């Protein structure tokens, strides 16, 4: 990777269609031929979300969406959650009681054809099922998108957690992230260093994982370092996690955890992963470091850091602190707290 450009006043960025998109002054841009090029898409209200989920879309602070297809903008009168097919979108809308609900929008008619449940922004669509977490009732829910099949799993049914978070030991058990579905199991990241697996069809608890005895740290328990920093690696048929100086893999069939402690390799370079949101590609994890501000590339198969970049003081005499990193194997974008976008491309 090599640094190619710096753009200021950027709200957020997103990887889509093998390049990088970003929002600046309520206008959508993309990187094309090493340059920032306007897509011509503008919006009236402030940005709330820029997301790629088979299709690139925008949500604004008024709860309206814009779907970007073949370079054209299609306004949607609802908050967009996901694209289910060419003709159907998963959206959030207000019901007659002004309650925020999730439903299926038919694009050909503009009508909500199926109301599903109260909206949750902790959700995952897999195949014909919507999985989500109801924070108010502390229940993980599953809804079929094609019929009335559903199930629920209440967090109160879990056995007592064996590890508590060092900083928030008294917090109730909560879902941080629905990691994804692998081996017909829904993998759920909880707080308190815990990962659970539920049968994707029935909601039955299969695994409740936490302990990693070989992790010996002065500031972390001998447990999964950060369950929220895990992703599904379909290529290798594993769940993988990377946080701070630790990389780990979970076998979805057995629930066994294999840890790699990278402290000896990363500490001399004064770099580590400080954000649970990193860029996961076929070969690498690209991550942001705050200790000494920089970004790095961790090779998954070799389990080594094979690229890193250290930020220096900007024109204001400040060291950039990265708040967001997005990208793919060819291009990486990192946005700092001051709204500066740093773009890197494969050499």
C-alpha atoms as a PDB file:
ATOM      1  CA  UNK A   1       0.000   0.000   0.000  1.00  0.00           C
ATOM      2  CA  UNK A   2       1.114   3.559  -0.690  1.00  0.00           C
ATOM      3  CA  UNK A   3      -0.338   6.884   0.404  1.00  0.00           C
ATOM      4  CA  UNK A   4      -1.950   8.673  -2.560  1.00  0.00           C
ATOM      5  CA  UNK A   5      -4.019  11.586  -1.275  1.00  0.00           C
ATOM      6  CA  UNK A   6      -5.497  13.590   1.579  1.00  0.00           C
ATOM      7  CA  UNK A   7      -8.991  15.127   1.486  1.00  0.00           C
ATOM      8  CA  UNK A   8     -10.418  17.357   4.219  1.00  0.00           C
ATOM      9  CA  UNK A   9     -13.953  17.985   5.542  1.00  0.00           C
ATOM     10  CA  UNK A  10     -14.968  14.345   5.065  1.00  0.00           C
ATOM     11  CA  UNK A  11     -17.917  13.011   7.069  1.00  0.00           C
ATOM     12  CA  UNK A  12     -17.410   9.286   6.476  1.00  0.00           C
ATOM     13  CA  UNK A  13     -16.193   6.777   3.900  1.00  0.00           C
ATOM     14  CA  UNK A  14     -17.264   3.372   2.610  1.00  0.00           C
ATOM     15  CA  UNK A  15     -15.824   0.612   0.427  1.00  0.00           C
ATOM     16  CA  UNK A  16     -17.998  -0.413  -2.542  1.00  0.00           C
ATOM     17  CA  UNK A  17     -17.512  -1.706  -6.079  1.00  0.00           C
ATOM     18  CA  UNK A  18     -13.742  -2.150  -5.510  1.00  0.00           C
ATOM     19  CA  UNK A  19     -13.188   1.524  -4.748  1.00  0.00           C
ATOM     20  CA  UNK A  20     -13.770   4.050  -1.975  1.00  0.00           C
ATOM     21  CA  UNK A  21     -16.754   6.375  -1.614  1.00  0.00           C
ATOM     22  CA  UNK A  22     -16.935   9.283   0.804  1.00  0.00           C
ATOM     23  CA  UNK A  23     -19.252  12.148   1.765  1.00  0.00           C
ATOM     24  CA  UNK A  24     -18.123  15.758   1.815  1.00  0.00           C
ATOM     25  CA  UNK A  25     -20.423  18.781   2.118  1.00  0.00           C
ATOM     26  CA  UNK A  26     -23.543  16.631   1.571  1.00  0.00           C
ATOM     27  CA  UNK A  27     -22.153  15.291  -1.696  1.00  0.00           C
ATOM     28  CA  UNK A  28     -21.029  11.759  -2.560  1.00  0.00           C
ATOM     29  CA  UNK A  29     -17.556  11.301  -4.074  1.00  0.00           C
ATOM     30  CA  UNK A  30     -15.515   8.298  -5.148  1.00  0.00           C
ATOM     31  CA  UNK A  31     -11.853   7.579  -5.828  1.00  0.00           C
ATOM     32  CA  UNK A  32     -11.316   7.071  -9.555  1.00  0.00           C
ATOM     33  CA  UNK A  33      -7.908   6.880 -11.262  1.00  0.00           C
ATOM     34  CA  UNK A  34      -6.231   8.004  -8.021  1.00  0.00           C
ATOM     35  CA  UNK A  35      -8.404  11.148  -7.865  1.00  0.00           C
ATOM     36  CA  UNK A  36     -11.536  12.262  -5.971  1.00  0.00           C
ATOM     37  CA  UNK A  37     -14.465  12.480  -8.386  1.00  0.00           C
ATOM     38  CA  UNK A  38     -17.998  13.669  -7.597  1.00  0.00           C
ATOM     39  CA  UNK A  39     -20.747  11.132  -8.339  1.00  0.00           C
ATOM     40  CA  UNK A  40     -23.264  13.950  -8.736  1.00  0.00           C
ATOM     41  CA  UNK A  41     -25.312  12.592  -5.824  1.00  0.00           C
ATOM     42  CA  UNK A  42     -26.264  15.279  -3.296  1.00  0.00           C
ATOM     43  CA  UNK A  43     -28.710  15.319  -0.393  1.00  0.00           C
ATOM     44  CA  UNK A  44     -30.459  18.062   1.591  1.00  0.00           C
ATOM     45  CA  UNK A  45     -30.173  16.866   5.175  1.00  0.00           C
ATOM     46  CA  UNK A  46     -27.076  15.945   7.132  1.00  0.00           C
ATOM     47  CA  UNK A  47     -25.679  12.459   6.696  1.00  0.00           C
ATOM     48  CA  UNK A  48     -26.459   9.755   9.243  1.00  0.00           C
ATOM     49  CA  UNK A  49     -25.066   6.687   7.477  1.00  0.00           C
ATOM     50  CA  UNK A  50     -23.187   5.646   4.344  1.00  0.00           C
ATOM     51  CA  UNK A  51     -23.317   1.888   3.899  1.00  0.00           C
ATOM     52  CA  UNK A  52     -22.676  -0.846   1.352  1.00  0.00           C
ATOM     53  CA  UNK A  53     -24.837  -3.967   1.541  1.00  0.00           C
ATOM     54  CA  UNK A  54     -24.889  -5.468  -1.984  1.00  0.00           C
ATOM     55  CA  UNK A  55     -25.852  -1.912  -2.987  1.00  0.00           C
ATOM     56  CA  UNK A  56     -24.493   1.434  -1.817  1.00  0.00           C
ATOM     57  CA  UNK A  57     -26.971   3.560   0.097  1.00  0.00           C
ATOM     58  CA  UNK A  58     -27.228   6.718   2.181  1.00  0.00           C
ATOM     59  CA  UNK A  59     -29.449   7.560   5.166  1.00  0.00           C
ATOM     60  CA  UNK A  60     -29.889  11.156   6.297  1.00  0.00           C
ATOM     61  CA  UNK A  61     -30.856  12.635   9.656  1.00  0.00           C
ATOM     62  CA  UNK A  62     -34.479  13.003   8.515  1.00  0.00           C
ATOM     63  CA  UNK A  63     -34.766   9.225   8.240  1.00  0.00           C
ATOM     64  CA  UNK A  64     -34.808   9.165   4.437  1.00  0.00           C
ATOM     65  CA  UNK A  65     -32.680   6.937   2.247  1.00  0.00           C
ATOM     66  CA  UNK A  66     -30.979   7.170  -1.126  1.00  0.00           C
ATOM     67  CA  UNK A  67     -30.183   3.968  -2.998  1.00  0.00           C
ATOM     68  CA  UNK A  68     -27.256   4.227  -5.441  1.00  0.00           C
ATOM     69  CA  UNK A  69     -27.642   1.869  -8.411  1.00  0.00           C
ATOM     70  CA  UNK A  70     -25.542   1.962 -11.585  1.00  0.00           C
ATOM     71  CA  UNK A  71     -24.391   5.447 -10.638  1.00  0.00           C
ATOM     72  CA  UNK A  72     -27.941   6.754 -10.269  1.00  0.00           C
ATOM     73  CA  UNK A  73     -29.616   7.957  -7.071  1.00  0.00           C
ATOM     74  CA  UNK A  74     -33.042   6.594  -6.116  1.00  0.00           C
ATOM     75  CA  UNK A  75     -34.657   8.446  -3.168  1.00  0.00           C
ATOM     76  CA  UNK A  76     -36.525   6.251  -0.682  1.00  0.00           C
ATOM     77  CA  UNK A  77     -39.030   7.671   1.815  1.00  0.00           C
ATOM     78  CA  UNK A  78     -37.788   5.365   4.567  1.00  0.00           C
ATOM     79  CA  UNK A  79     -34.638   4.633   6.536  1.00  0.00           C
ATOM     80  CA  UNK A  80     -32.805   1.898   4.633  1.00  0.00           C
ATOM     81  CA  UNK A  81     -31.530  -1.159   6.502  1.00  0.00           C
ATOM     82  CA  UNK A  82     -30.655  -3.613   3.714  1.00  0.00           C
ATOM     83  CA  UNK A  83     -31.446  -4.607   0.153  1.00  0.00           C
ATOM     84  CA  UNK A  84     -33.173  -7.996   0.020  1.00  0.00           C
ATOM     85  CA  UNK A  85     -33.593  -8.240  -3.770  1.00  0.00           C
ATOM     86  CA  UNK A  86     -33.938  -5.982  -6.815  1.00  0.00           C
ATOM     87  CA  UNK A  87     -37.565  -5.315  -5.856  1.00  0.00           C
ATOM     88  CA  UNK A  88     -37.522  -5.489  -2.065  1.00  0.00           C
ATOM     89  CA  UNK A  89     -35.804  -3.405   0.612  1.00  0.00           C
ATOM     90  CA  UNK A  90     -35.648  -3.834   4.362  1.00  0.00           C
ATOM     91  CA  UNK A  91     -36.617  -0.458   5.835  1.00  0.00           C
ATOM     92  CA  UNK A  92     -37.550   1.226   9.093  1.00  0.00           C
ATOM     93  CA  UNK A  93     -40.859   3.099   9.218  1.00  0.00           C
ATOM     94  CA  UNK A  94     -43.327   4.641  11.676  1.00  0.00           C
ATOM     95  CA  UNK A  95     -46.507   2.698  12.394  1.00  0.00           C
ATOM     96  CA  UNK A  96     -49.875   4.386  13.226  1.00  0.00           C
ATOM     97  CA  UNK A  97     -48.788   4.577  16.887  1.00  0.00           C
ATOM     98  CA  UNK A  98     -45.562   6.342  15.808  1.00  0.00           C
ATOM     99  CA  UNK A  99     -43.526   3.309  16.824  1.00  0.00           C
ATOM    100  CA  UNK A 100     -40.386   2.654  14.783  1.00  0.00           C
ATOM    101  CA  UNK A 101     -40.883  -0.666  12.950  1.00  0.00           C
ATOM    102  CA  UNK A 102     -38.872  -2.813  10.515  1.00  0.00           C
ATOM    103  CA  UNK A 103     -40.611  -4.019   7.384  1.00  0.00           C
ATOM    104  CA  UNK A 104     -40.249  -5.020   3.755  1.00  0.00           C
ATOM    105  CA  UNK A 105     -40.781  -2.333   1.098  1.00  0.00           C
ATOM    106  CA  UNK A 106     -41.938  -3.340  -2.382  1.00  0.00           C
ATOM    107  CA  UNK A 107     -40.135  -0.947  -4.721  1.00  0.00           C
ATOM    108  CA  UNK A 108     -42.562  -1.493  -7.592  1.00  0.00           C
ATOM    109  CA  UNK A 109     -45.564  -0.304  -5.567  1.00  0.00           C
ATOM    110  CA  UNK A 110     -43.848   1.793  -2.889  1.00  0.00           C
ATOM    111  CA  UNK A 111     -45.854  -0.076  -0.225  1.00  0.00           C
ATOM    112  CA  UNK A 112     -44.783  -1.840   2.962  1.00  0.00           C
ATOM    113  CA  UNK A 113     -45.801  -5.425   2.219  1.00  0.00           C
ATOM    114  CA  UNK A 114     -44.726  -6.988   5.517  1.00  0.00           C
ATOM    115  CA  UNK A 115     -44.271  -5.474   8.945  1.00  0.00           C
ATOM    116  CA  UNK A 116     -41.864  -7.523  11.033  1.00  0.00           C
ATOM    117  CA  UNK A 117     -40.972  -6.103  14.449  1.00  0.00           C
ATOM    118  CA  UNK A 118     -39.726  -3.087  16.331  1.00  0.00           C
ATOM    119  CA  UNK A 119     -36.627  -1.717  14.648  1.00  0.00           C
ATOM    120  CA  UNK A 120     -33.251  -2.654  16.048  1.00  0.00           C
ATOM    121  CA  UNK A 121     -29.991  -1.377  14.609  1.00  0.00           C
ATOM    122  CA  UNK A 122     -28.226  -4.462  15.978  1.00  0.00           C
ATOM    123  CA  UNK A 123     -29.332  -6.836  13.244  1.00  0.00           C
ATOM    124  CA  UNK A 124     -28.142  -9.289  10.623  1.00  0.00           C
ATOM    125  CA  UNK A 125     -29.895 -10.541   7.483  1.00  0.00           C
ATOM    126  CA  UNK A 126     -28.893 -14.036   6.394  1.00  0.00           C
ATOM    127  CA  UNK A 127     -30.730 -15.808   3.616  1.00  0.00           C
ATOM    128  CA  UNK A 128     -34.457 -15.477   4.269  1.00  0.00           C
ATOM    129  CA  UNK A 129     -34.083 -14.623   7.978  1.00  0.00           C
ATOM    130  CA  UNK A 130     -33.724 -11.417   9.953  1.00  0.00           C
ATOM    131  CA  UNK A 131     -31.881 -11.725  13.261  1.00  0.00           C
ATOM    132  CA  UNK A 132     -31.929  -8.785  15.665  1.00  0.00           C
ATOM    133  CA  UNK A 133     -31.458  -7.798  19.292  1.00  0.00           C
ATOM    134  CA  UNK A 134     -34.258  -6.149  21.262  1.00  0.00           C
ATOM    135  CA  UNK A 135     -32.345  -4.140  23.850  1.00  0.00           C
ATOM    136  CA  UNK A 136     -35.467  -3.235  25.830  1.00  0.00           C
ATOM    137  CA  UNK A 137     -36.435  -6.868  26.485  1.00  0.00           C
ATOM    138  CA  UNK A 138     -32.850  -8.233  26.227  1.00  0.00           C
ATOM    139  CA  UNK A 139     -34.026 -10.830  23.712  1.00  0.00           C
ATOM    140  CA  UNK A 140     -32.384 -12.039  20.501  1.00  0.00           C
ATOM    141  CA  UNK A 141     -35.102 -12.439  17.864  1.00  0.00           C
ATOM    142  CA  UNK A 142     -35.313 -14.308  14.569  1.00  0.00           C
ATOM    143  CA  UNK A 143     -37.970 -13.581  11.934  1.00  0.00           C
ATOM    144  CA  UNK A 144     -38.552 -15.286   8.608  1.00  0.00           C
ATOM    145  CA  UNK A 145     -38.817 -12.821   5.735  1.00  0.00           C
ATOM    146  CA  UNK A 146     -41.060 -15.175   3.742  1.00  0.00           C
ATOM    147  CA  UNK A 147     -43.460 -16.663   6.327  1.00  0.00           C
ATOM    148  CA  UNK A 148     -44.399 -16.356   9.992  1.00  0.00           C
ATOM    149  CA  UNK A 149     -41.668 -18.589  11.431  1.00  0.00           C
ATOM    150  CA  UNK A 150     -39.740 -17.036  14.312  1.00  0.00           C
ATOM    151  CA  UNK A 151     -37.923 -17.727  17.579  1.00  0.00           C
ATOM    152  CA  UNK A 152     -36.576 -15.815  20.577  1.00  0.00           C
ATOM    153  CA  UNK A 153     -33.635 -16.283  22.921  1.00  0.00           C
ATOM    154  CA  UNK A 154     -33.644 -14.447  26.237  1.00  0.00           C
ATOM    155  CA  UNK A 155     -30.238 -13.495  27.617  1.00  0.00           C
ATOM    156  CA  UNK A 156     -31.529 -14.218  31.127  1.00  0.00           C
ATOM    157  CA  UNK A 157     -31.460 -17.943  30.238  1.00  0.00           C
ATOM    158  CA  UNK A 158     -27.661 -17.947  29.994  1.00  0.00           C
ATOM    159  CA  UNK A 159     -25.652 -19.551  32.739  1.00  0.00           C
ATOM    160  CA  UNK A 160     -23.633 -17.185  34.903  1.00  0.00           C
ATOM    161  CA  UNK A 161     -20.798 -15.580  32.964  1.00  0.00           C
ATOM    162  CA  UNK A 162     -17.391 -16.726  34.148  1.00  0.00           C
ATOM    163  CA  UNK A 163     -15.593 -13.478  33.283  1.00  0.00           C
ATOM    164  CA  UNK A 164     -16.516  -9.836  33.864  1.00  0.00           C
ATOM    165  CA  UNK A 165     -15.329  -6.856  31.890  1.00  0.00           C
ATOM    166  CA  UNK A 166     -12.449  -5.177  33.716  1.00  0.00           C
ATOM    167  CA  UNK A 167     -13.787  -1.649  33.193  1.00  0.00           C
ATOM    168  CA  UNK A 168     -17.515  -2.395  33.632  1.00  0.00           C
ATOM    169  CA  UNK A 169     -17.794  -5.506  35.816  1.00  0.00           C
ATOM    170  CA  UNK A 170     -21.303  -4.694  37.107  1.00  0.00           C
ATOM    171  CA  UNK A 171     -22.947  -4.152  33.711  1.00  0.00           C
ATOM    172  CA  UNK A 172     -25.784  -6.482  32.749  1.00  0.00           C
ATOM    173  CA  UNK A 173     -25.113  -8.972  29.979  1.00  0.00           C
ATOM    174  CA  UNK A 174     -25.827  -7.312  26.617  1.00  0.00           C
ATOM    175  CA  UNK A 175     -25.444  -8.050  22.924  1.00  0.00           C
ATOM    176  CA  UNK A 176     -22.798  -5.866  21.322  1.00  0.00           C
ATOM    177  CA  UNK A 177     -22.919  -7.336  17.829  1.00  0.00           C
ATOM    178  CA  UNK A 178     -24.560 -10.077  15.788  1.00  0.00           C
ATOM    179  CA  UNK A 179     -21.391 -11.390  14.180  1.00  0.00           C
ATOM    180  CA  UNK A 180     -23.035 -13.578  11.534  1.00  0.00           C
ATOM    181  CA  UNK A 181     -24.136 -17.084  10.605  1.00  0.00           C
ATOM    182  CA  UNK A 182     -21.612 -19.882  10.089  1.00  0.00           C
ATOM    183  CA  UNK A 183     -22.075 -23.662  10.300  1.00  0.00           C
ATOM    184  CA  UNK A 184     -25.831 -23.099  10.746  1.00  0.00           C
ATOM    185  CA  UNK A 185     -25.137 -21.166  13.945  1.00  0.00           C
ATOM    186  CA  UNK A 186     -25.840 -17.526  14.740  1.00  0.00           C
ATOM    187  CA  UNK A 187     -22.739 -16.141  16.450  1.00  0.00           C
ATOM    188  CA  UNK A 188     -23.391 -13.352  18.934  1.00  0.00           C
ATOM    189  CA  UNK A 189     -20.813 -11.095  20.600  1.00  0.00           C
ATOM    190  CA  UNK A 190     -21.707 -10.220  24.193  1.00  0.00           C
ATOM    191  CA  UNK A 191     -19.973  -7.957  26.664  1.00  0.00           C
ATOM    192  CA  UNK A 192     -17.886  -9.528  29.438  1.00  0.00           C
ATOM    193  CA  UNK A 193     -15.571 -11.255  26.930  1.00  0.00           C
ATOM    194  CA  UNK A 194     -18.252 -13.764  25.897  1.00  0.00           C
ATOM    195  CA  UNK A 195     -19.320 -15.240  22.565  1.00  0.00           C
ATOM    196  CA  UNK A 196     -22.406 -17.427  22.163  1.00  0.00           C
ATOM    197  CA  UNK A 197     -23.657 -19.573  19.293  1.00  0.00           C
ATOM    198  CA  UNK A 198     -27.356 -20.249  18.713  1.00  0.00           C
ATOM    199  CA  UNK A 199     -28.887 -22.737  16.305  1.00  0.00           C
ATOM    200  CA  UNK A 200     -29.814 -20.505  13.380  1.00  0.00           C
ATOM    201  CA  UNK A 201     -33.085 -22.384  12.799  1.00  0.00           C
ATOM    202  CA  UNK A 202     -34.338 -22.880  16.360  1.00  0.00           C
ATOM    203  CA  UNK A 203     -32.479 -20.444  18.633  1.00  0.00           C
ATOM    204  CA  UNK A 204     -31.182 -23.251  20.856  1.00  0.00           C
ATOM    205  CA  UNK A 205     -27.985 -22.353  22.702  1.00  0.00           C
ATOM    206  CA  UNK A 206     -25.084 -24.433  21.381  1.00  0.00           C
ATOM    207  CA  UNK A 207     -21.975 -22.698  22.732  1.00  0.00           C
ATOM    208  CA  UNK A 208     -21.185 -20.153  25.432  1.00  0.00           C
ATOM    209  CA  UNK A 209     -17.501 -19.349  24.984  1.00  0.00           C
ATOM    210  CA  UNK A 210     -15.149 -17.151  26.948  1.00  0.00           C
ATOM    211  CA  UNK A 211     -12.041 -18.746  28.451  1.00  0.00           C
ATOM    212  CA  UNK A 212      -8.653 -18.744  26.710  1.00  0.00           C
ATOM    213  CA  UNK A 213      -6.293 -20.125  29.403  1.00  0.00           C
ATOM    214  CA  UNK A 214      -3.159 -19.457  27.341  1.00  0.00           C
ATOM    215  CA  UNK A 215      -3.866 -15.719  27.233  1.00  0.00           C
ATOM    216  CA  UNK A 216      -1.693 -14.355  30.002  1.00  0.00           C
ATOM    217  CA  UNK A 217      -1.911 -10.576  30.290  1.00  0.00           C
ATOM    218  CA  UNK A 218      -1.427  -8.046  33.057  1.00  0.00           C
ATOM    219  CA  UNK A 219      -4.457  -6.035  31.943  1.00  0.00           C
ATOM    220  CA  UNK A 220      -6.826  -8.587  30.374  1.00  0.00           C
ATOM    221  CA  UNK A 221      -8.511 -11.709  31.768  1.00  0.00           C
ATOM    222  CA  UNK A 222      -7.693 -15.099  30.244  1.00  0.00           C
ATOM    223  CA  UNK A 223     -10.658 -14.870  27.915  1.00  0.00           C
ATOM    224  CA  UNK A 224     -11.728 -13.680  24.465  1.00  0.00           C
ATOM    225  CA  UNK A 225     -10.110 -10.217  24.271  1.00  0.00           C
ATOM    226  CA  UNK A 226     -12.973  -8.438  22.483  1.00  0.00           C
ATOM    227  CA  UNK A 227     -15.876 -10.487  21.024  1.00  0.00           C
ATOM    228  CA  UNK A 228     -17.121  -7.427  19.128  1.00  0.00           C
ATOM    229  CA  UNK A 229     -13.864  -7.456  17.120  1.00  0.00           C
ATOM    230  CA  UNK A 230     -14.762 -10.751  15.424  1.00  0.00           C
ATOM    231  CA  UNK A 231     -15.960 -11.486  11.886  1.00  0.00           C
ATOM    232  CA  UNK A 232     -17.095 -14.526   9.933  1.00  0.00           C
ATOM    233  CA  UNK A 233     -14.384 -15.822   7.603  1.00  0.00           C
ATOM    234  CA  UNK A 234     -16.381 -17.925   5.138  1.00  0.00           C
ATOM    235  CA  UNK A 235     -13.312 -18.691   3.004  1.00  0.00           C
ATOM    236  CA  UNK A 236     -11.541 -20.435   5.889  1.00  0.00           C
ATOM    237  CA  UNK A 237     -14.765 -21.574   7.600  1.00  0.00           C
ATOM    238  CA  UNK A 238     -13.755 -19.877  10.855  1.00  0.00           C
ATOM    239  CA  UNK A 239     -14.594 -16.942  13.039  1.00  0.00           C
ATOM    240  CA  UNK A 240     -11.611 -14.682  13.459  1.00  0.00           C
ATOM    241  CA  UNK A 241     -10.873 -11.868  15.853  1.00  0.00           C
ATOM    242  CA  UNK A 242      -8.171  -9.205  16.090  1.00  0.00           C
ATOM    243  CA  UNK A 243      -7.804  -6.620  18.841  1.00  0.00           C
ATOM    244  CA  UNK A 244      -4.838  -4.936  20.458  1.00  0.00           C
ATOM    245  CA  UNK A 245      -1.908  -7.398  20.175  1.00  0.00           C
ATOM    246  CA  UNK A 246      -4.061 -10.530  19.928  1.00  0.00           C
ATOM    247  CA  UNK A 247      -5.409 -12.574  17.017  1.00  0.00           C
ATOM    248  CA  UNK A 248      -7.680 -15.558  17.555  1.00  0.00           C
ATOM    249  CA  UNK A 249      -9.734 -18.093  15.581  1.00  0.00           C
ATOM    250  CA  UNK A 250     -12.835 -20.068  16.553  1.00  0.00           C
ATOM    251  CA  UNK A 251     -13.702 -23.419  15.000  1.00  0.00           C
ATOM    252  CA  UNK A 252     -17.493 -23.210  14.403  1.00  0.00           C
ATOM    253  CA  UNK A 253     -17.929 -26.983  14.613  1.00  0.00           C
ATOM    254  CA  UNK A 254     -16.251 -27.521  17.983  1.00  0.00           C
ATOM    255  CA  UNK A 255     -16.121 -24.055  19.567  1.00  0.00           C
ATOM    256  CA  UNK A 256     -12.376 -24.426  20.173  1.00  0.00           C
ATOM    257  CA  UNK A 257     -10.345 -21.200  20.259  1.00  0.00           C
ATOM    258  CA  UNK A 258      -6.789 -20.782  18.993  1.00  0.00           C
ATOM    259  CA  UNK A 259      -4.933 -17.665  20.144  1.00  0.00           C
ATOM    260  CA  UNK A 260      -1.901 -15.955  18.603  1.00  0.00           C
ATOM    261  CA  UNK A 261      -0.172 -13.422  20.861  1.00  0.00           C
ATOM    262  CA  UNK A 262       1.499 -10.812  18.639  1.00  0.00           C
ATOM    263  CA  UNK A 263       2.889  -8.669  21.450  1.00  0.00           C
ATOM    264  CA  UNK A 264       6.521  -9.524  20.719  1.00  0.00           C
ATOM    265  CA  UNK A 265       6.081  -8.554  17.053  1.00  0.00           C
ATOM    266  CA  UNK A 266       3.936  -5.427  17.404  1.00  0.00           C
ATOM    267  CA  UNK A 267       5.258  -3.790  20.567  1.00  0.00           C
ATOM    268  CA  UNK A 268       8.707  -2.888  19.125  1.00  0.00           C
ATOM    269  CA  UNK A 269       6.865  -1.081  16.292  1.00  0.00           C
ATOM    270  CA  UNK A 270       4.584   0.680  18.803  1.00  0.00           C
ATOM    271  CA  UNK A 271       1.530  -0.397  16.835  1.00  0.00           C
ATOM    272  CA  UNK A 272      -1.584  -2.430  17.654  1.00  0.00           C
ATOM    273  CA  UNK A 273      -5.244  -2.609  16.682  1.00  0.00           C
ATOM    274  CA  UNK A 274      -7.305  -0.194  18.786  1.00  0.00           C
ATOM    275  CA  UNK A 275     -10.648  -0.376  16.962  1.00  0.00           C
ATOM    276  CA  UNK A 276     -13.121  -3.247  16.710  1.00  0.00           C
ATOM    277  CA  UNK A 277     -14.118  -1.985  13.258  1.00  0.00           C
ATOM    278  CA  UNK A 278     -11.325  -2.990  10.886  1.00  0.00           C
ATOM    279  CA  UNK A 279     -11.069  -3.883   7.186  1.00  0.00           C
ATOM    280  CA  UNK A 280     -11.296  -7.621   6.571  1.00  0.00           C
ATOM    281  CA  UNK A 281     -10.238  -8.946   3.152  1.00  0.00           C
ATOM    282  CA  UNK A 282      -9.377 -12.363   1.710  1.00  0.00           C
ATOM    283  CA  UNK A 283      -5.764 -12.043   2.812  1.00  0.00           C
ATOM    284  CA  UNK A 284      -5.474  -9.203   5.308  1.00  0.00           C
ATOM    285  CA  UNK A 285      -6.860  -7.291   8.246  1.00  0.00           C
ATOM    286  CA  UNK A 286      -6.158  -3.570   7.888  1.00  0.00           C
ATOM    287  CA  UNK A 287      -6.447  -1.774  11.214  1.00  0.00           C
ATOM    288  CA  UNK A 288      -5.953   1.564  12.975  1.00  0.00           C
ATOM    289  CA  UNK A 289      -3.575   2.158  15.862  1.00  0.00           C
ATOM    290  CA  UNK A 290      -3.954   4.979  18.395  1.00  0.00           C
ATOM    291  CA  UNK A 291      -0.952   4.354  20.647  1.00  0.00           C
ATOM    292  CA  UNK A 292       1.352   5.678  17.961  1.00  0.00           C
ATOM    293  CA  UNK A 293      -1.068   6.892  15.331  1.00  0.00           C
ATOM    294  CA  UNK A 294      -0.909   4.690  12.258  1.00  0.00           C
ATOM    295  CA  UNK A 295      -2.506   1.908  10.265  1.00  0.00           C
ATOM    296  CA  UNK A 296      -1.269  -1.592   9.584  1.00  0.00           C
ATOM    297  CA  UNK A 297      -1.847  -4.659   7.459  1.00  0.00           C
ATOM    298  CA  UNK A 298      -1.924  -8.057   9.185  1.00  0.00           C
ATOM    299  CA  UNK A 299      -1.520 -11.083   6.884  1.00  0.00           C
ATOM    300  CA  UNK A 300      -4.056 -13.672   8.056  1.00  0.00           C
ATOM    301  CA  UNK A 301      -2.383 -16.830   6.747  1.00  0.00           C
ATOM    302  CA  UNK A 302       1.169 -15.836   7.691  1.00  0.00           C
ATOM    303  CA  UNK A 303       0.013 -14.221  10.952  1.00  0.00           C
ATOM    304  CA  UNK A 304       2.476 -11.369  10.547  1.00  0.00           C
ATOM    305  CA  UNK A 305       2.330  -7.608  10.144  1.00  0.00           C
ATOM    306  CA  UNK A 306       3.589  -7.095   6.587  1.00  0.00           C
ATOM    307  CA  UNK A 307       2.769  -3.392   6.120  1.00  0.00           C
ATOM    308  CA  UNK A 308       2.301  -0.342   8.307  1.00  0.00           C
ATOM    309  CA  UNK A 309       2.177   3.426   7.990  1.00  0.00           C
ATOM    310  CA  UNK A 310       2.880   5.932  10.768  1.00  0.00           C
ATOM    311  CA  UNK A 311       1.158   9.328  10.709  1.00  0.00           C
ATOM    312  CA  UNK A 312       3.143  12.484  11.355  1.00  0.00           C
ATOM    313  CA  UNK A 313       1.985  15.922  12.473  1.00  0.00           C
ATOM    314  CA  UNK A 314      -0.426  17.668  10.100  1.00  0.00           C
ATOM    315  CA  UNK A 315      -0.462  21.353   9.156  1.00  0.00           C
ATOM    316  CA  UNK A 316      -2.077  22.180  12.491  1.00  0.00           C
ATOM    317  CA  UNK A 317       0.786  20.486  14.315  1.00  0.00           C
ATOM    318  CA  UNK A 318      -1.426  17.607  15.473  1.00  0.00           C
ATOM    319  CA  UNK A 319      -0.977  13.857  15.144  1.00  0.00           C
ATOM    320  CA  UNK A 320      -4.087  12.442  13.396  1.00  0.00           C
ATOM    321  CA  UNK A 321      -6.274  10.098  15.460  1.00  0.00           C
ATOM    322  CA  UNK A 322      -8.118   7.694  13.180  1.00  0.00           C
ATOM    323  CA  UNK A 323     -11.821   7.210  13.975  1.00  0.00           C
ATOM    324  CA  UNK A 324     -12.833   5.085  10.961  1.00  0.00           C
ATOM    325  CA  UNK A 325     -11.101   2.756   8.525  1.00  0.00           C
ATOM    326  CA  UNK A 326     -12.773   1.256   5.439  1.00  0.00           C
ATOM    327  CA  UNK A 327     -11.592  -0.358   2.231  1.00  0.00           C
ATOM    328  CA  UNK A 328     -10.654  -3.560   0.437  1.00  0.00           C
ATOM    329  CA  UNK A 329      -7.585  -5.344  -0.907  1.00  0.00           C
ATOM    330  CA  UNK A 330      -6.880  -2.553  -3.413  1.00  0.00           C
ATOM    331  CA  UNK A 331      -7.707   0.646  -1.526  1.00  0.00           C
ATOM    332  CA  UNK A 332      -7.885   1.790   2.095  1.00  0.00           C
ATOM    333  CA  UNK A 333      -9.444   4.955   3.481  1.00  0.00           C
ATOM    334  CA  UNK A 334      -8.873   6.245   7.019  1.00  0.00           C
ATOM    335  CA  UNK A 335     -10.816   9.210   8.434  1.00  0.00           C
ATOM    336  CA  UNK A 336      -9.396  11.064  11.430  1.00  0.00           C
ATOM    337  CA  UNK A 337     -11.239  12.938  14.169  1.00  0.00           C
ATOM    338  CA  UNK A 338     -10.726  16.212  12.272  1.00  0.00           C
ATOM    339  CA  UNK A 339     -12.522  14.957   9.155  1.00  0.00           C
ATOM    340  CA  UNK A 340      -9.410  14.306   7.074  1.00  0.00           C
ATOM    341  CA  UNK A 341      -9.497  11.287   4.750  1.00  0.00           C
ATOM    342  CA  UNK A 342      -6.193   9.517   4.059  1.00  0.00           C
ATOM    343  CA  UNK A 343      -6.299   7.224   1.018  1.00  0.00           C
ATOM    344  CA  UNK A 344      -3.886   4.359   0.325  1.00  0.00           C
ATOM    345  CA  UNK A 345      -3.744   2.133  -2.759  1.00  0.00           C
ATOM    346  CA  UNK A 346      -1.954  -1.079  -3.661  1.00  0.00           C
ATOM    347  CA  UNK A 347       1.455  -0.413  -5.165  1.00  0.00           C
END
